Amino acid sequence: MSGHHISSDKTLLGVAAALLVLTILTVGVYYIQIPAPWNIVTAMGIAVLKATLVALFFMNLYWDERFNSMLLVAGLAFFGLLVALTLLDTLFRTEVIPAF
């Protein structure tokens, strides 16, 4: 890396305020009682947005080389693939009936 970016206080406080608002939104969504599959989708969507803000601004990926951002996206895609393969294995197993 040739140089480091120093974020301004205004940027960091703006991102921190956005994270605080998204955290309050997460708590608010819990009390709304969204139907079963959509409550997890909504909570995960907010969590992904918060993680994106942290990765971009607090980890300085927004100003970093694109190669590092590509590595982050590839790592997240690989993690998603591993989770998907694990779910394929565990979700479609037959029910085990214990025989005492």
PDB file of N, CA and C in Angstrom:
ATOM      1  N   MET A   1       0.831  -1.170   0.000  1.00  0.00           N
ATOM      2  CA  MET A   1       0.000   0.000   0.000  1.00  0.00           C
ATOM      3  C   MET A   1       0.877   1.233   0.000  1.00  0.00           C
ATOM      4  N   SER A   2       0.544   2.184  -0.804  1.00  0.00           N
ATOM      5  CA  SER A   2       1.375   3.375  -0.893  1.00  0.00           C
ATOM      6  C   SER A   2       1.049   4.391   0.189  1.00  0.00           C
ATOM      7  N   GLY A   3      -0.184   4.496   0.614  1.00  0.00           N
ATOM      8  CA  GLY A   3      -0.544   5.485   1.618  1.00  0.00           C
ATOM      9  C   GLY A   3      -1.768   5.041   2.385  1.00  0.00           C
ATOM     10  N   HIS A   4      -1.966   5.667   3.508  1.00  0.00           N
ATOM     11  CA  HIS A   4      -3.115   5.335   4.345  1.00  0.00           C
ATOM     12  C   HIS A   4      -4.112   6.475   4.301  1.00  0.00           C
ATOM     13  N   HIS A   5      -5.366   6.118   4.351  1.00  0.00           N
ATOM     14  CA  HIS A   5      -6.422   7.121   4.373  1.00  0.00           C
ATOM     15  C   HIS A   5      -6.820   7.379   5.824  1.00  0.00           C
ATOM     16  N   ILE A   6      -6.953   8.642   6.165  1.00  0.00           N
ATOM     17  CA  ILE A   6      -7.411   9.012   7.496  1.00  0.00           C
ATOM     18  C   ILE A   6      -8.826   9.545   7.353  1.00  0.00           C
ATOM     19  N   SER A   7      -9.758   8.865   7.971  1.00  0.00           N
ATOM     20  CA  SER A   7     -11.160   9.255   7.865  1.00  0.00           C
ATOM     21  C   SER A   7     -11.426  10.474   8.727  1.00  0.00           C
ATOM     22  N   SER A   8     -12.337  11.307   8.245  1.00  0.00           N
ATOM     23  CA  SER A   8     -12.683  12.502   9.010  1.00  0.00           C
ATOM     24  C   SER A   8     -13.640  12.128  10.149  1.00  0.00           C
ATOM     25  N   ASP A   9     -13.692  13.008  11.129  1.00  0.00           N
ATOM     26  CA  ASP A   9     -14.602  12.781  12.249  1.00  0.00           C
ATOM     27  C   ASP A   9     -16.050  12.763  11.791  1.00  0.00           C
ATOM     28  N   LYS A  10     -16.361  13.602  10.806  1.00  0.00           N
ATOM     29  CA  LYS A  10     -17.731  13.678  10.292  1.00  0.00           C
ATOM     30  C   LYS A  10     -18.153  12.336   9.674  1.00  0.00           C
ATOM     31  N   THR A  11     -17.253  11.720   8.928  1.00  0.00           N
ATOM     32  CA  THR A  11     -17.561  10.422   8.312  1.00  0.00           C
ATOM     33  C   THR A  11     -17.753   9.345   9.368  1.00  0.00           C
ATOM     34  N   LEU A  12     -16.840   9.288  10.333  1.00  0.00           N
ATOM     35  CA  LEU A  12     -16.917   8.251  11.357  1.00  0.00           C
ATOM     36  C   LEU A  12     -18.143   8.423  12.246  1.00  0.00           C
ATOM     37  N   LEU A  13     -18.472   9.662  12.587  1.00  0.00           N
ATOM     38  CA  LEU A  13     -19.664   9.898  13.403  1.00  0.00           C
ATOM     39  C   LEU A  13     -20.943   9.614  12.614  1.00  0.00           C
ATOM     40  N   GLY A  14     -20.927   9.898  11.320  1.00  0.00           N
ATOM     41  CA  GLY A  14     -22.083   9.572  10.478  1.00  0.00           C
ATOM     42  C   GLY A  14     -22.323   8.076  10.381  1.00  0.00           C
ATOM     43  N   VAL A  15     -21.230   7.321  10.216  1.00  0.00           N
ATOM     44  CA  VAL A  15     -21.354   5.866  10.156  1.00  0.00           C
ATOM     45  C   VAL A  15     -21.789   5.317  11.509  1.00  0.00           C
ATOM     46  N   ALA A  16     -21.238   5.870  12.587  1.00  0.00           N
ATOM     47  CA  ALA A  16     -21.641   5.421  13.918  1.00  0.00           C
ATOM     48  C   ALA A  16     -23.117   5.718  14.177  1.00  0.00           C
ATOM     49  N   ALA A  17     -23.587   6.872  13.727  1.00  0.00           N
ATOM     50  CA  ALA A  17     -25.011   7.205  13.879  1.00  0.00           C
ATOM     51  C   ALA A  17     -25.874   6.257  13.054  1.00  0.00           C
ATOM     52  N   ALA A  18     -25.420   5.927  11.839  1.00  0.00           N
ATOM     53  CA  ALA A  18     -26.178   4.982  11.007  1.00  0.00           C
ATOM     54  C   ALA A  18     -26.234   3.610  11.668  1.00  0.00           C
ATOM     55  N   LEU A  19     -25.130   3.172  12.275  1.00  0.00           N
ATOM     56  CA  LEU A  19     -25.119   1.887  12.976  1.00  0.00           C
ATOM     57  C   LEU A  19     -26.048   1.911  14.187  1.00  0.00           C
ATOM     58  N   LEU A  20     -26.088   3.035  14.882  1.00  0.00           N
ATOM     59  CA  LEU A  20     -26.989   3.156  16.022  1.00  0.00           C
ATOM     60  C   LEU A  20     -28.450   3.106  15.575  1.00  0.00           C
ATOM     61  N   VAL A  21     -28.767   3.803  14.481  1.00  0.00           N
ATOM     62  CA  VAL A  21     -30.140   3.785  13.955  1.00  0.00           C
ATOM     63  C   VAL A  21     -30.510   2.378  13.495  1.00  0.00           C
ATOM     64  N   LEU A  22     -29.589   1.689  12.839  1.00  0.00           N
ATOM     65  CA  LEU A  22     -29.878   0.321  12.392  1.00  0.00           C
ATOM     66  C   LEU A  22     -30.037  -0.640  13.563  1.00  0.00           C
ATOM     67  N   THR A  23     -29.310  -0.405  14.644  1.00  0.00           N
ATOM     68  CA  THR A  23     -29.476  -1.237  15.841  1.00  0.00           C
ATOM     69  C   THR A  23     -30.847  -1.004  16.468  1.00  0.00           C
ATOM     70  N   ILE A  24     -31.258   0.256  16.540  1.00  0.00           N
ATOM     71  CA  ILE A  24     -32.600   0.569  17.048  1.00  0.00           C
ATOM     72  C   ILE A  24     -33.661  -0.028  16.135  1.00  0.00           C
ATOM     73  N   LEU A  25     -33.423   0.004  14.819  1.00  0.00           N
ATOM     74  CA  LEU A  25     -34.360  -0.603  13.866  1.00  0.00           C
ATOM     75  C   LEU A  25     -34.441  -2.116  14.073  1.00  0.00           C
ATOM     76  N   THR A  26     -33.327  -2.757  14.369  1.00  0.00           N
ATOM     77  CA  THR A  26     -33.322  -4.198  14.642  1.00  0.00           C
ATOM     78  C   THR A  26     -34.185  -4.524  15.855  1.00  0.00           C
ATOM     79  N   VAL A  27     -34.043  -3.737  16.908  1.00  0.00           N
ATOM     80  CA  VAL A  27     -34.852  -3.949  18.111  1.00  0.00           C
ATOM     81  C   VAL A  27     -36.322  -3.667  17.810  1.00  0.00           C
ATOM     82  N   GLY A  28     -36.601  -2.635  17.019  1.00  0.00           N
ATOM     83  CA  GLY A  28     -37.981  -2.324  16.656  1.00  0.00           C
ATOM     84  C   GLY A  28     -38.636  -3.416  15.824  1.00  0.00           C
ATOM     85  N   VAL A  29     -37.867  -4.018  14.931  1.00  0.00           N
ATOM     86  CA  VAL A  29     -38.400  -5.108  14.105  1.00  0.00           C
ATOM     87  C   VAL A  29     -38.755  -6.309  14.971  1.00  0.00           C
ATOM     88  N   TYR A  30     -38.022  -6.513  16.051  1.00  0.00           N
ATOM     89  CA  TYR A  30     -38.323  -7.624  16.958  1.00  0.00           C
ATOM     90  C   TYR A  30     -39.711  -7.456  17.576  1.00  0.00           C
ATOM     91  N   TYR A  31     -40.069  -6.237  17.920  1.00  0.00           N
ATOM     92  CA  TYR A  31     -41.354  -5.998  18.582  1.00  0.00           C
ATOM     93  C   TYR A  31     -42.533  -5.894  17.609  1.00  0.00           C
ATOM     94  N   ILE A  32     -42.280  -5.814  16.313  1.00  0.00           N
ATOM     95  CA  ILE A  32     -43.361  -5.704  15.333  1.00  0.00           C
ATOM     96  C   ILE A  32     -44.073  -7.034  15.115  1.00  0.00           C
ATOM     97  N   GLN A  33     -43.413  -8.150  15.373  1.00  0.00           N
ATOM     98  CA  GLN A  33     -43.961  -9.494  15.165  1.00  0.00           C
ATOM     99  C   GLN A  33     -44.220  -9.774  13.687  1.00  0.00           C
ATOM    100  N   ILE A  34     -43.170  -9.776  12.906  1.00  0.00           N
ATOM    101  CA  ILE A  34     -43.244 -10.129  11.487  1.00  0.00           C
ATOM    102  C   ILE A  34     -43.422 -11.639  11.396  1.00  0.00           C
ATOM    103  N   PRO A  35     -44.187 -12.146  10.408  1.00  0.00           N
ATOM    104  CA  PRO A  35     -44.383 -13.604  10.278  1.00  0.00           C
ATOM    105  C   PRO A  35     -43.062 -14.366  10.132  1.00  0.00           C
ATOM    106  N   ALA A  36     -43.132 -15.647  10.424  1.00  0.00           N
ATOM    107  CA  ALA A  36     -41.968 -16.505  10.687  1.00  0.00           C
ATOM    108  C   ALA A  36     -40.818 -16.441   9.680  1.00  0.00           C
ATOM    109  N   PRO A  37     -40.967 -16.675   8.404  1.00  0.00           N
ATOM    110  CA  PRO A  37     -39.718 -16.673   7.625  1.00  0.00           C
ATOM    111  C   PRO A  37     -39.175 -15.271   7.383  1.00  0.00           C
ATOM    112  N   TRP A  38     -40.020 -14.270   7.417  1.00  0.00           N
ATOM    113  CA  TRP A  38     -39.590 -12.918   7.047  1.00  0.00           C
ATOM    114  C   TRP A  38     -38.906 -12.189   8.194  1.00  0.00           C
ATOM    115  N   ASN A  39     -39.137 -12.588   9.432  1.00  0.00           N
ATOM    116  CA  ASN A  39     -38.455 -11.913  10.532  1.00  0.00           C
ATOM    117  C   ASN A  39     -36.951 -12.185  10.497  1.00  0.00           C
ATOM    118  N   ILE A  40     -36.571 -13.397  10.133  1.00  0.00           N
ATOM    119  CA  ILE A  40     -35.149 -13.726  10.036  1.00  0.00           C
ATOM    120  C   ILE A  40     -34.530 -13.042   8.824  1.00  0.00           C
ATOM    121  N   VAL A  41     -35.268 -13.007   7.717  1.00  0.00           N
ATOM    122  CA  VAL A  41     -34.761 -12.340   6.515  1.00  0.00           C
ATOM    123  C   VAL A  41     -34.540 -10.853   6.786  1.00  0.00           C
ATOM    124  N   THR A  42     -35.469 -10.219   7.478  1.00  0.00           N
ATOM    125  CA  THR A  42     -35.338  -8.801   7.799  1.00  0.00           C
ATOM    126  C   THR A  42     -34.167  -8.560   8.749  1.00  0.00           C
ATOM    127  N   ALA A  43     -34.056  -9.366   9.783  1.00  0.00           N
ATOM    128  CA  ALA A  43     -32.962  -9.204  10.738  1.00  0.00           C
ATOM    129  C   ALA A  43     -31.603  -9.448  10.075  1.00  0.00           C
ATOM    130  N   MET A  44     -31.514 -10.447   9.222  1.00  0.00           N
ATOM    131  CA  MET A  44     -30.256 -10.715   8.534  1.00  0.00           C
ATOM    132  C   MET A  44     -29.915  -9.618   7.535  1.00  0.00           C
ATOM    133  N   GLY A  45     -30.926  -9.062   6.888  1.00  0.00           N
ATOM    134  CA  GLY A  45     -30.688  -7.949   5.964  1.00  0.00           C
ATOM    135  C   GLY A  45     -30.112  -6.738   6.677  1.00  0.00           C
ATOM    136  N   ILE A  46     -30.673  -6.412   7.840  1.00  0.00           N
ATOM    137  CA  ILE A  46     -30.156  -5.294   8.622  1.00  0.00           C
ATOM    138  C   ILE A  46     -28.748  -5.604   9.113  1.00  0.00           C
ATOM    139  N   ALA A  47     -28.505  -6.846   9.536  1.00  0.00           N
ATOM    140  CA  ALA A  47     -27.175  -7.234  10.009  1.00  0.00           C
ATOM    141  C   ALA A  47     -26.135  -7.167   8.894  1.00  0.00           C
ATOM    142  N   VAL A  48     -26.511  -7.566   7.694  1.00  0.00           N
ATOM    143  CA  VAL A  48     -25.585  -7.490   6.563  1.00  0.00           C
ATOM    144  C   VAL A  48     -25.276  -6.030   6.230  1.00  0.00           C
ATOM    145  N   LEU A  49     -26.279  -5.179   6.299  1.00  0.00           N
ATOM    146  CA  LEU A  49     -26.049  -3.758   6.050  1.00  0.00           C
ATOM    147  C   LEU A  49     -25.107  -3.153   7.095  1.00  0.00           C
ATOM    148  N   LYS A  50     -25.286  -3.520   8.357  1.00  0.00           N
ATOM    149  CA  LYS A  50     -24.396  -3.031   9.408  1.00  0.00           C
ATOM    150  C   LYS A  50     -22.982  -3.569   9.223  1.00  0.00           C
ATOM    151  N   ALA A  51     -22.854  -4.834   8.874  1.00  0.00           N
ATOM    152  CA  ALA A  51     -21.526  -5.412   8.647  1.00  0.00           C
ATOM    153  C   ALA A  51     -20.843  -4.757   7.447  1.00  0.00           C
ATOM    154  N   THR A  52     -21.617  -4.410   6.428  1.00  0.00           N
ATOM    155  CA  THR A  52     -21.058  -3.724   5.264  1.00  0.00           C
ATOM    156  C   THR A  52     -20.540  -2.345   5.639  1.00  0.00           C
ATOM    157  N   LEU A  53     -21.292  -1.620   6.447  1.00  0.00           N
ATOM    158  CA  LEU A  53     -20.823  -0.306   6.898  1.00  0.00           C
ATOM    159  C   LEU A  53     -19.536  -0.415   7.713  1.00  0.00           C
ATOM    160  N   VAL A  54     -19.468  -1.389   8.597  1.00  0.00           N
ATOM    161  CA  VAL A  54     -18.257  -1.575   9.403  1.00  0.00           C
ATOM    162  C   VAL A  54     -17.076  -1.937   8.512  1.00  0.00           C
ATOM    163  N   ALA A  55     -17.280  -2.850   7.570  1.00  0.00           N
ATOM    164  CA  ALA A  55     -16.179  -3.274   6.700  1.00  0.00           C
ATOM    165  C   ALA A  55     -15.716  -2.128   5.799  1.00  0.00           C
ATOM    166  N   LEU A  56     -16.641  -1.354   5.282  1.00  0.00           N
ATOM    167  CA  LEU A  56     -16.263  -0.292   4.361  1.00  0.00           C
ATOM    168  C   LEU A  56     -15.560   0.867   5.056  1.00  0.00           C
ATOM    169  N   PHE A  57     -16.098   1.329   6.169  1.00  0.00           N
ATOM    170  CA  PHE A  57     -15.589   2.561   6.747  1.00  0.00           C
ATOM    171  C   PHE A  57     -14.643   2.347   7.923  1.00  0.00           C
ATOM    172  N   PHE A  58     -14.938   1.435   8.839  1.00  0.00           N
ATOM    173  CA  PHE A  58     -14.053   1.245   9.973  1.00  0.00           C
ATOM    174  C   PHE A  58     -12.845   0.386   9.621  1.00  0.00           C
ATOM    175  N   MET A  59     -12.986  -0.496   8.635  1.00  0.00           N
ATOM    176  CA  MET A  59     -11.847  -1.284   8.177  1.00  0.00           C
ATOM    177  C   MET A  59     -11.181  -0.647   6.955  1.00  0.00           C
ATOM    178  N   ASN A  60     -11.668   0.528   6.548  1.00  0.00           N
ATOM    179  CA  ASN A  60     -11.118   1.332   5.444  1.00  0.00           C
ATOM    180  C   ASN A  60     -11.099   0.607   4.103  1.00  0.00           C
ATOM    181  N   LEU A  61     -12.017  -0.323   3.872  1.00  0.00           N
ATOM    182  CA  LEU A  61     -12.077  -0.981   2.563  1.00  0.00           C
ATOM    183  C   LEU A  61     -12.632  -0.065   1.485  1.00  0.00           C
ATOM    184  N   TYR A  62     -13.323   0.979   1.867  1.00  0.00           N
ATOM    185  CA  TYR A  62     -13.882   1.920   0.898  1.00  0.00           C
ATOM    186  C   TYR A  62     -12.760   2.642   0.151  1.00  0.00           C
ATOM    187  N   TRP A  63     -11.659   2.947   0.846  1.00  0.00           N
ATOM    188  CA  TRP A  63     -10.559   3.679   0.243  1.00  0.00           C
ATOM    189  C   TRP A  63      -9.393   2.766  -0.117  1.00  0.00           C
ATOM    190  N   ASP A  64      -9.488   1.490   0.182  1.00  0.00           N
ATOM    191  CA  ASP A  64      -8.389   0.565  -0.050  1.00  0.00           C
ATOM    192  C   ASP A  64      -8.388   0.100  -1.503  1.00  0.00           C
ATOM    193  N   GLU A  65      -7.374  -0.673  -1.848  1.00  0.00           N
ATOM    194  CA  GLU A  65      -7.282  -1.224  -3.195  1.00  0.00           C
ATOM    195  C   GLU A  65      -8.440  -2.182  -3.444  1.00  0.00           C
ATOM    196  N   ARG A  66      -8.845  -2.282  -4.671  1.00  0.00           N
ATOM    197  CA  ARG A  66      -9.992  -3.133  -5.018  1.00  0.00           C
ATOM    198  C   ARG A  66      -9.678  -4.612  -4.818  1.00  0.00           C
ATOM    199  N   PHE A  67      -8.411  -4.977  -4.852  1.00  0.00           N
ATOM    200  CA  PHE A  67      -8.036  -6.370  -4.656  1.00  0.00           C
ATOM    201  C   PHE A  67      -8.429  -6.849  -3.266  1.00  0.00           C
ATOM    202  N   ASN A  68      -8.239  -6.015  -2.249  1.00  0.00           N
ATOM    203  CA  ASN A  68      -8.613  -6.402  -0.890  1.00  0.00           C
ATOM    204  C   ASN A  68     -10.123  -6.540  -0.744  1.00  0.00           C
ATOM    205  N   SER A  69     -10.871  -5.674  -1.415  1.00  0.00           N
ATOM    206  CA  SER A  69     -12.328  -5.795  -1.396  1.00  0.00           C
ATOM    207  C   SER A  69     -12.777  -7.076  -2.095  1.00  0.00           C
ATOM    208  N   MET A  70     -12.066  -7.411  -3.179  1.00  0.00           N
ATOM    209  CA  MET A  70     -12.385  -8.646  -3.894  1.00  0.00           C
ATOM    210  C   MET A  70     -12.103  -9.864  -3.010  1.00  0.00           C
ATOM    211  N   LEU A  71     -11.027  -9.813  -2.229  1.00  0.00           N
ATOM    212  CA  LEU A  71     -10.729 -10.908  -1.317  1.00  0.00           C
ATOM    213  C   LEU A  71     -11.797 -11.039  -0.239  1.00  0.00           C
ATOM    214  N   LEU A  72     -12.290  -9.906   0.262  1.00  0.00           N
ATOM    215  CA  LEU A  72     -13.357  -9.946   1.256  1.00  0.00           C
ATOM    216  C   LEU A  72     -14.620 -10.571   0.674  1.00  0.00           C
ATOM    217  N   VAL A  73     -15.005 -10.154  -0.519  1.00  0.00           N
ATOM    218  CA  VAL A  73     -16.210 -10.702  -1.153  1.00  0.00           C
ATOM    219  C   VAL A  73     -16.034 -12.189  -1.453  1.00  0.00           C
ATOM    220  N   ALA A  74     -14.854 -12.584  -1.918  1.00  0.00           N
ATOM    221  CA  ALA A  74     -14.604 -14.006  -2.192  1.00  0.00           C
ATOM    222  C   ALA A  74     -14.645 -14.823  -0.905  1.00  0.00           C
ATOM    223  N   GLY A  75     -14.106 -14.293   0.176  1.00  0.00           N
ATOM    224  CA  GLY A  75     -14.155 -14.993   1.456  1.00  0.00           C
ATOM    225  C   GLY A  75     -15.585 -15.152   1.962  1.00  0.00           C
ATOM    226  N   LEU A  76     -16.386 -14.094   1.818  1.00  0.00           N
ATOM    227  CA  LEU A  76     -17.787 -14.178   2.232  1.00  0.00           C
ATOM    228  C   LEU A  76     -18.574 -15.149   1.358  1.00  0.00           C
ATOM    229  N   ALA A  77     -18.270 -15.170   0.058  1.00  0.00           N
ATOM    230  CA  ALA A  77     -18.938 -16.121  -0.835  1.00  0.00           C
ATOM    231  C   ALA A  77     -18.565 -17.558  -0.476  1.00  0.00           C
ATOM    232  N   PHE A  78     -17.307 -17.789  -0.159  1.00  0.00           N
ATOM    233  CA  PHE A  78     -16.867 -19.123   0.248  1.00  0.00           C
ATOM    234  C   PHE A  78     -17.547 -19.538   1.547  1.00  0.00           C
ATOM    235  N   PHE A  79     -17.653 -18.608   2.500  1.00  0.00           N
ATOM    236  CA  PHE A  79     -18.343 -18.894   3.758  1.00  0.00           C
ATOM    237  C   PHE A  79     -19.816 -19.225   3.500  1.00  0.00           C
ATOM    238  N   GLY A  80     -20.463 -18.463   2.618  1.00  0.00           N
ATOM    239  CA  GLY A  80     -21.852 -18.745   2.272  1.00  0.00           C
ATOM    240  C   GLY A  80     -22.022 -20.103   1.618  1.00  0.00           C
ATOM    241  N   LEU A  81     -21.056 -20.469   0.783  1.00  0.00           N
ATOM    242  CA  LEU A  81     -21.097 -21.785   0.149  1.00  0.00           C
ATOM    243  C   LEU A  81     -20.974 -22.895   1.187  1.00  0.00           C
ATOM    244  N   LEU A  82     -20.096 -22.733   2.154  1.00  0.00           N
ATOM    245  CA  LEU A  82     -19.946 -23.743   3.201  1.00  0.00           C
ATOM    246  C   LEU A  82     -21.209 -23.851   4.059  1.00  0.00           C
ATOM    247  N   VAL A  83     -21.819 -22.726   4.363  1.00  0.00           N
ATOM    248  CA  VAL A  83     -23.065 -22.746   5.138  1.00  0.00           C
ATOM    249  C   VAL A  83     -24.169 -23.419   4.330  1.00  0.00           C
ATOM    250  N   ALA A  84     -24.254 -23.111   3.035  1.00  0.00           N
ATOM    251  CA  ALA A  84     -25.285 -23.711   2.186  1.00  0.00           C
ATOM    252  C   ALA A  84     -25.101 -25.224   2.080  1.00  0.00           C
ATOM    253  N   LEU A  85     -23.873 -25.671   1.931  1.00  0.00           N
ATOM    254  CA  LEU A  85     -23.636 -27.119   1.853  1.00  0.00           C
ATOM    255  C   LEU A  85     -23.961 -27.812   3.171  1.00  0.00           C
ATOM    256  N   THR A  86     -23.672 -27.154   4.278  1.00  0.00           N
ATOM    257  CA  THR A  86     -24.016 -27.720   5.575  1.00  0.00           C
ATOM    258  C   THR A  86     -25.529 -27.806   5.739  1.00  0.00           C
ATOM    259  N   LEU A  87     -26.244 -26.773   5.320  1.00  0.00           N
ATOM    260  CA  LEU A  87     -27.705 -26.796   5.416  1.00  0.00           C
ATOM    261  C   LEU A  87     -28.311 -27.848   4.500  1.00  0.00           C
ATOM    262  N   LEU A  88     -27.734 -28.044   3.327  1.00  0.00           N
ATOM    263  CA  LEU A  88     -28.229 -29.105   2.445  1.00  0.00           C
ATOM    264  C   LEU A  88     -28.104 -30.464   3.107  1.00  0.00           C
ATOM    265  N   ASP A  89     -27.050 -30.648   3.868  1.00  0.00           N
ATOM    266  CA  ASP A  89     -26.852 -31.924   4.548  1.00  0.00           C
ATOM    267  C   ASP A  89     -27.813 -32.082   5.729  1.00  0.00           C
ATOM    268  N   THR A  90     -27.992 -31.035   6.513  1.00  0.00           N
ATOM    269  CA  THR A  90     -28.761 -31.175   7.748  1.00  0.00           C
ATOM    270  C   THR A  90     -30.257 -30.995   7.566  1.00  0.00           C
ATOM    271  N   LEU A  91     -30.700 -30.238   6.586  1.00  0.00           N
ATOM    272  CA  LEU A  91     -32.130 -29.978   6.435  1.00  0.00           C
ATOM    273  C   LEU A  91     -32.897 -31.140   5.822  1.00  0.00           C
ATOM    274  N   PHE A  92     -32.208 -31.971   5.063  1.00  0.00           N
ATOM    275  CA  PHE A  92     -32.905 -33.030   4.351  1.00  0.00           C
ATOM    276  C   PHE A  92     -32.609 -34.415   4.905  1.00  0.00           C
ATOM    277  N   ARG A  93     -32.226 -34.499   6.162  1.00  0.00           N
ATOM    278  CA  ARG A  93     -32.033 -35.799   6.807  1.00  0.00           C
ATOM    279  C   ARG A  93     -33.368 -36.359   7.235  1.00  0.00           C
ATOM    280  N   THR A  94     -33.442 -37.661   7.304  1.00  0.00           N
ATOM    281  CA  THR A  94     -34.662 -38.278   7.790  1.00  0.00           C
ATOM    282  C   THR A  94     -34.734 -38.147   9.308  1.00  0.00           C
ATOM    283  N   GLU A  95     -35.943 -38.144   9.822  1.00  0.00           N
ATOM    284  CA  GLU A  95     -36.147 -38.004  11.255  1.00  0.00           C
ATOM    285  C   GLU A  95     -35.693 -39.278  11.966  1.00  0.00           C
ATOM    286  N   VAL A  96     -34.873 -39.122  12.958  1.00  0.00           N
ATOM    287  CA  VAL A  96     -34.369 -40.263  13.718  1.00  0.00           C
ATOM    288  C   VAL A  96     -35.339 -40.515  14.883  1.00  0.00           C
ATOM    289  N   ILE A  97     -35.874 -41.731  14.926  1.00  0.00           N
ATOM    290  CA  ILE A  97     -36.761 -42.120  16.018  1.00  0.00           C
ATOM    291  C   ILE A  97     -35.957 -42.954  16.988  1.00  0.00           C
ATOM    292  N   PRO A  98     -35.778 -42.456  18.194  1.00  0.00           N
ATOM    293  CA  PRO A  98     -34.958 -43.229  19.142  1.00  0.00           C
ATOM    294  C   PRO A  98     -35.670 -44.523  19.560  1.00  0.00           C
ATOM    295  N   ALA A  99     -34.901 -45.592  19.542  1.00  0.00           N
ATOM    296  CA  ALA A  99     -35.429 -46.899  19.984  1.00  0.00           C
ATOM    297  C   ALA A  99     -34.717 -47.295  21.240  1.00  0.00           C
ATOM    298  N   PHE A 100     -35.429 -47.237  22.333  1.00  0.00           N
ATOM    299  CA  PHE A 100     -34.796 -47.544  23.606  1.00  0.00           C
ATOM    300  C   PHE A 100     -34.797 -49.023  23.823  1.00  0.00           C
TER     301      PHE A 100
END
